[in-house]
């Protein structure tokens, strides 16, 4: 459903600190999808989305360690480059990044 929203959507890195889950979510949301939903008349319908290119990674720390440092941000940028995605990153100042 996020692929049908025309707004920024954040995807947190894994609780172990890995970036794969967030990068894969950004890839997925950027493509069109179809799902069963409700149309404007309240009837069940196949809803088709166009894809959302406004995804970003949310660095929330992981594995009990923060990931807001310059090395972690650079690694995230590299992962996004490799996936041919925009380098859109937000740092979450809670979770493992707050201690």
N, C-alpha and C. Protein backbone atom coordinates (compact mmCIF):
# COMPACT_ATOMS: atom_id res chain seq x y z
N UNK A 1 0.81 -1.19 0.00
CA UNK A 1 0.00 0.00 0.00
C UNK A 1 0.85 1.25 0.00
N UNK A 2 2.04 1.19 0.60
CA UNK A 2 2.92 2.36 0.62
C UNK A 2 3.29 2.80 -0.78
N UNK A 3 3.26 1.87 -1.73
CA UNK A 3 3.62 2.22 -3.11
C UNK A 3 2.55 3.11 -3.75
N UNK A 4 1.41 3.25 -3.10
CA UNK A 4 0.35 4.09 -3.63
C UNK A 4 0.25 5.45 -2.95
N UNK A 5 1.08 5.69 -1.95
CA UNK A 5 1.04 6.97 -1.25
C UNK A 5 1.96 7.98 -1.91
N UNK A 6 1.53 9.21 -2.00
CA UNK A 6 2.37 10.26 -2.58
C UNK A 6 2.98 11.10 -1.45
N UNK A 7 3.69 10.41 -0.57
CA UNK A 7 4.34 11.05 0.57
C UNK A 7 5.56 10.23 0.96
N UNK A 8 6.43 10.82 1.72
CA UNK A 8 7.64 10.12 2.16
C UNK A 8 7.27 8.99 3.12
N UNK A 9 7.95 7.86 2.94
CA UNK A 9 7.74 6.69 3.79
C UNK A 9 9.11 6.24 4.30
N UNK A 10 9.25 6.10 5.61
CA UNK A 10 10.51 5.67 6.20
C UNK A 10 10.52 4.19 6.52
N UNK A 11 11.67 3.56 6.30
CA UNK A 11 11.85 2.14 6.58
C UNK A 11 13.05 1.98 7.51
N UNK A 12 12.79 1.47 8.71
CA UNK A 12 13.85 1.31 9.71
C UNK A 12 14.77 0.16 9.35
N UNK A 13 16.05 0.33 9.72
CA UNK A 13 16.98 -0.78 9.59
C UNK A 13 16.57 -1.88 10.56
N UNK A 14 17.10 -3.08 10.35
CA UNK A 14 16.76 -4.21 11.21
C UNK A 14 17.20 -4.00 12.65
N UNK A 15 16.59 -4.70 13.58
CA UNK A 15 16.95 -4.55 14.99
C UNK A 15 18.37 -5.02 15.28
N UNK A 16 18.94 -5.79 14.36
CA UNK A 16 20.35 -6.19 14.49
C UNK A 16 21.29 -5.16 13.87
N UNK A 17 20.73 -4.10 13.29
CA UNK A 17 21.52 -3.04 12.67
C UNK A 17 21.69 -3.19 11.18
N UNK A 18 21.24 -4.31 10.61
CA UNK A 18 21.42 -4.53 9.17
C UNK A 18 20.55 -3.58 8.37
N UNK A 19 21.02 -3.26 7.17
CA UNK A 19 20.32 -2.33 6.29
C UNK A 19 19.43 -3.03 5.27
N UNK A 20 19.61 -4.33 5.10
CA UNK A 20 18.93 -5.07 4.03
C UNK A 20 17.42 -4.89 4.04
N UNK A 21 16.80 -5.00 5.19
CA UNK A 21 15.33 -4.93 5.26
C UNK A 21 14.83 -3.56 4.79
N UNK A 22 15.52 -2.49 5.18
CA UNK A 22 15.11 -1.15 4.78
C UNK A 22 15.36 -0.90 3.29
N UNK A 23 16.52 -1.34 2.79
CA UNK A 23 16.84 -1.15 1.38
C UNK A 23 15.88 -1.95 0.51
N UNK A 24 15.60 -3.19 0.91
CA UNK A 24 14.66 -4.02 0.14
C UNK A 24 13.25 -3.42 0.15
N UNK A 25 12.85 -2.85 1.27
CA UNK A 25 11.53 -2.21 1.35
C UNK A 25 11.48 -1.00 0.42
N UNK A 26 12.56 -0.22 0.37
CA UNK A 26 12.60 0.93 -0.54
C UNK A 26 12.51 0.49 -1.99
N UNK A 27 13.19 -0.61 -2.32
CA UNK A 27 13.10 -1.15 -3.69
C UNK A 27 11.67 -1.54 -4.01
N UNK A 28 11.05 -2.28 -3.10
CA UNK A 28 9.70 -2.78 -3.33
C UNK A 28 8.70 -1.65 -3.49
N UNK A 29 8.74 -0.68 -2.61
CA UNK A 29 7.75 0.40 -2.62
C UNK A 29 7.89 1.29 -3.85
N UNK A 30 9.05 1.27 -4.49
CA UNK A 30 9.25 2.12 -5.67
C UNK A 30 8.59 1.55 -6.93
N UNK A 31 8.11 0.32 -6.85
CA UNK A 31 7.49 -0.34 -8.01
C UNK A 31 5.97 -0.37 -7.88
N UNK A 32 5.26 -0.46 -9.00
CA UNK A 32 3.80 -0.60 -8.95
C UNK A 32 3.39 -1.92 -8.29
N UNK A 33 2.26 -1.91 -7.61
CA UNK A 33 1.71 -3.11 -6.98
C UNK A 33 0.20 -3.12 -7.18
N UNK A 34 -0.40 -4.28 -6.95
CA UNK A 34 -1.86 -4.44 -6.98
C UNK A 34 -2.29 -5.16 -5.71
N UNK A 35 -3.44 -4.78 -5.17
CA UNK A 35 -3.97 -5.46 -3.99
C UNK A 35 -5.48 -5.28 -3.95
N UNK A 36 -6.15 -6.14 -3.18
CA UNK A 36 -7.60 -6.01 -3.00
C UNK A 36 -7.87 -4.91 -2.00
N UNK A 37 -8.77 -4.02 -2.36
CA UNK A 37 -9.12 -2.92 -1.48
C UNK A 37 -10.55 -2.49 -1.73
N UNK A 38 -10.88 -1.31 -1.26
CA UNK A 38 -12.22 -0.75 -1.41
C UNK A 38 -12.12 0.48 -2.32
N UNK A 39 -12.97 0.54 -3.35
CA UNK A 39 -12.94 1.68 -4.27
C UNK A 39 -13.78 2.85 -3.72
N UNK A 40 -13.89 3.91 -4.51
CA UNK A 40 -14.61 5.12 -4.09
C UNK A 40 -16.10 4.87 -3.82
N UNK A 41 -16.65 3.82 -4.42
CA UNK A 41 -18.07 3.49 -4.21
C UNK A 41 -18.27 2.49 -3.06
N UNK A 42 -17.19 2.14 -2.37
CA UNK A 42 -17.28 1.22 -1.25
C UNK A 42 -17.32 -0.24 -1.65
N UNK A 43 -16.97 -0.54 -2.89
CA UNK A 43 -16.99 -1.92 -3.38
C UNK A 43 -15.58 -2.49 -3.39
N UNK A 44 -15.52 -3.82 -3.24
CA UNK A 44 -14.23 -4.50 -3.33
C UNK A 44 -13.69 -4.33 -4.74
N UNK A 45 -12.41 -3.99 -4.83
CA UNK A 45 -11.81 -3.73 -6.14
C UNK A 45 -10.32 -4.07 -6.10
N UNK A 46 -9.76 -4.27 -7.26
CA UNK A 46 -8.31 -4.41 -7.37
C UNK A 46 -7.74 -3.00 -7.46
N UNK A 47 -6.91 -2.66 -6.49
CA UNK A 47 -6.29 -1.34 -6.43
C UNK A 47 -4.89 -1.46 -7.03
N UNK A 48 -4.57 -0.58 -7.96
CA UNK A 48 -3.26 -0.58 -8.60
C UNK A 48 -2.52 0.69 -8.20
N UNK A 49 -1.28 0.52 -7.76
CA UNK A 49 -0.47 1.66 -7.36
C UNK A 49 0.61 1.93 -8.41
N UNK A 50 1.14 3.13 -8.40
CA UNK A 50 2.15 3.53 -9.38
C UNK A 50 3.58 3.36 -8.87
N UNK A 51 3.75 3.18 -7.58
CA UNK A 51 5.08 3.15 -6.98
C UNK A 51 5.35 4.47 -6.27
N UNK A 52 6.19 4.41 -5.26
CA UNK A 52 6.49 5.58 -4.45
C UNK A 52 8.01 5.75 -4.40
N UNK A 53 8.51 6.82 -4.99
CA UNK A 53 9.95 7.09 -5.02
C UNK A 53 10.41 7.97 -3.87
N UNK A 54 9.57 8.12 -2.84
CA UNK A 54 9.90 8.98 -1.71
C UNK A 54 10.24 8.19 -0.45
N UNK A 55 10.73 6.97 -0.61
CA UNK A 55 11.15 6.18 0.54
C UNK A 55 12.48 6.66 1.09
N UNK A 56 12.71 6.39 2.36
CA UNK A 56 14.00 6.70 2.96
C UNK A 56 14.31 5.67 4.05
N UNK A 57 15.60 5.51 4.32
CA UNK A 57 16.05 4.61 5.39
C UNK A 57 16.03 5.40 6.69
N UNK A 58 15.54 4.76 7.75
CA UNK A 58 15.59 5.34 9.09
C UNK A 58 16.63 4.54 9.87
N UNK A 59 17.73 5.20 10.21
CA UNK A 59 18.77 4.56 11.02
C UNK A 59 18.34 4.66 12.47
N UNK A 60 18.06 3.51 13.09
CA UNK A 60 17.53 3.46 14.46
C UNK A 60 18.47 2.76 15.41
N UNK A 61 19.71 2.51 14.94
CA UNK A 61 20.63 1.73 15.75
C UNK A 61 20.25 0.27 15.67
N UNK A 62 21.02 -0.57 16.29
CA UNK A 62 20.69 -1.99 16.28
C UNK A 62 21.76 -2.82 16.95
N UNK A 63 21.35 -3.95 17.49
CA UNK A 63 22.28 -4.81 18.19
C UNK A 63 22.88 -4.12 19.41
N UNK A 64 22.13 -3.20 20.00
CA UNK A 64 22.61 -2.48 21.18
C UNK A 64 23.62 -1.39 20.87
N UNK A 65 23.82 -1.08 19.59
CA UNK A 65 24.81 -0.06 19.21
C UNK A 65 24.14 1.03 18.36
N UNK A 66 24.63 2.25 18.49
CA UNK A 66 24.10 3.33 17.64
C UNK A 66 24.62 3.22 16.21
N UNK A 67 23.93 3.87 15.28
CA UNK A 67 24.40 3.91 13.89
C UNK A 67 24.18 5.28 13.27
N UNK A 68 24.41 6.33 14.07
CA UNK A 68 24.28 7.69 13.55
C UNK A 68 25.63 8.31 13.21
N UNK A 69 26.72 7.57 13.41
CA UNK A 69 28.06 8.09 13.13
C UNK A 69 28.31 8.17 11.62
N UNK A 70 29.36 8.88 11.25
CA UNK A 70 29.64 9.11 9.83
C UNK A 70 29.93 7.82 9.07
N UNK A 71 30.54 6.85 9.71
CA UNK A 71 30.83 5.57 9.05
C UNK A 71 29.53 4.82 8.74
N UNK A 72 28.62 4.78 9.70
CA UNK A 72 27.33 4.10 9.50
C UNK A 72 26.51 4.77 8.41
N UNK A 73 26.51 6.10 8.40
CA UNK A 73 25.77 6.83 7.37
C UNK A 73 26.39 6.57 6.00
N UNK A 74 27.73 6.55 5.92
CA UNK A 74 28.41 6.26 4.65
C UNK A 74 28.09 4.85 4.16
N UNK A 75 28.03 3.88 5.07
CA UNK A 75 27.68 2.50 4.69
C UNK A 75 26.25 2.45 4.15
N UNK A 76 25.37 3.21 4.76
CA UNK A 76 23.98 3.27 4.28
C UNK A 76 23.93 3.89 2.89
N UNK A 77 24.69 4.96 2.69
CA UNK A 77 24.75 5.60 1.36
C UNK A 77 25.25 4.61 0.31
N UNK A 78 26.27 3.83 0.66
CA UNK A 78 26.81 2.83 -0.27
C UNK A 78 25.77 1.77 -0.61
N UNK A 79 25.03 1.32 0.40
CA UNK A 79 23.99 0.30 0.17
C UNK A 79 22.90 0.85 -0.75
N UNK A 80 22.53 2.11 -0.57
CA UNK A 80 21.51 2.73 -1.42
C UNK A 80 22.05 2.93 -2.84
N UNK A 81 23.31 3.33 -2.96
CA UNK A 81 23.94 3.46 -4.29
C UNK A 81 23.93 2.13 -5.02
N UNK A 82 24.34 1.09 -4.32
CA UNK A 82 24.41 -0.25 -4.92
C UNK A 82 23.03 -0.69 -5.41
N UNK A 83 21.99 -0.33 -4.67
CA UNK A 83 20.62 -0.70 -5.04
C UNK A 83 20.02 0.29 -6.05
N UNK A 84 20.80 1.28 -6.46
CA UNK A 84 20.34 2.31 -7.40
C UNK A 84 19.12 3.08 -6.86
N UNK A 85 19.21 3.41 -5.56
CA UNK A 85 18.15 4.17 -4.90
C UNK A 85 18.69 5.53 -4.47
N UNK A 86 17.78 6.47 -4.28
CA UNK A 86 18.18 7.79 -3.79
C UNK A 86 18.79 7.67 -2.41
N UNK A 87 19.78 8.51 -2.13
CA UNK A 87 20.42 8.51 -0.81
C UNK A 87 19.58 9.36 0.15
N UNK A 88 18.48 8.78 0.60
CA UNK A 88 17.58 9.46 1.53
C UNK A 88 17.65 8.74 2.87
N UNK A 89 18.20 9.43 3.86
CA UNK A 89 18.47 8.82 5.16
C UNK A 89 17.98 9.75 6.27
N UNK A 90 17.33 9.16 7.27
CA UNK A 90 16.92 9.89 8.46
C UNK A 90 17.49 9.14 9.67
N UNK A 91 17.96 9.88 10.65
CA UNK A 91 18.46 9.26 11.87
C UNK A 91 17.39 9.37 12.95
N UNK A 92 17.01 8.22 13.51
CA UNK A 92 16.06 8.15 14.62
C UNK A 92 16.86 8.32 15.90
N UNK A 93 16.54 9.33 16.69
CA UNK A 93 17.31 9.63 17.90
C UNK A 93 16.81 8.88 19.12
N UNK A 94 16.00 7.85 18.93
CA UNK A 94 15.60 6.99 20.05
C UNK A 94 16.16 5.60 19.80
N UNK A 95 15.59 4.59 20.41
CA UNK A 95 16.05 3.21 20.29
C UNK A 95 17.53 3.13 20.65
N UNK A 96 18.31 2.38 19.88
CA UNK A 96 19.73 2.19 20.19
C UNK A 96 20.56 3.44 19.91
N UNK A 97 19.99 4.44 19.27
CA UNK A 97 20.72 5.68 19.01
C UNK A 97 20.61 6.69 20.16
N UNK A 98 19.91 6.34 21.23
CA UNK A 98 19.68 7.31 22.30
C UNK A 98 20.50 7.07 23.56
N UNK A 99 21.29 6.02 23.58
CA UNK A 99 22.03 5.76 24.83
C UNK A 99 23.43 6.29 24.78
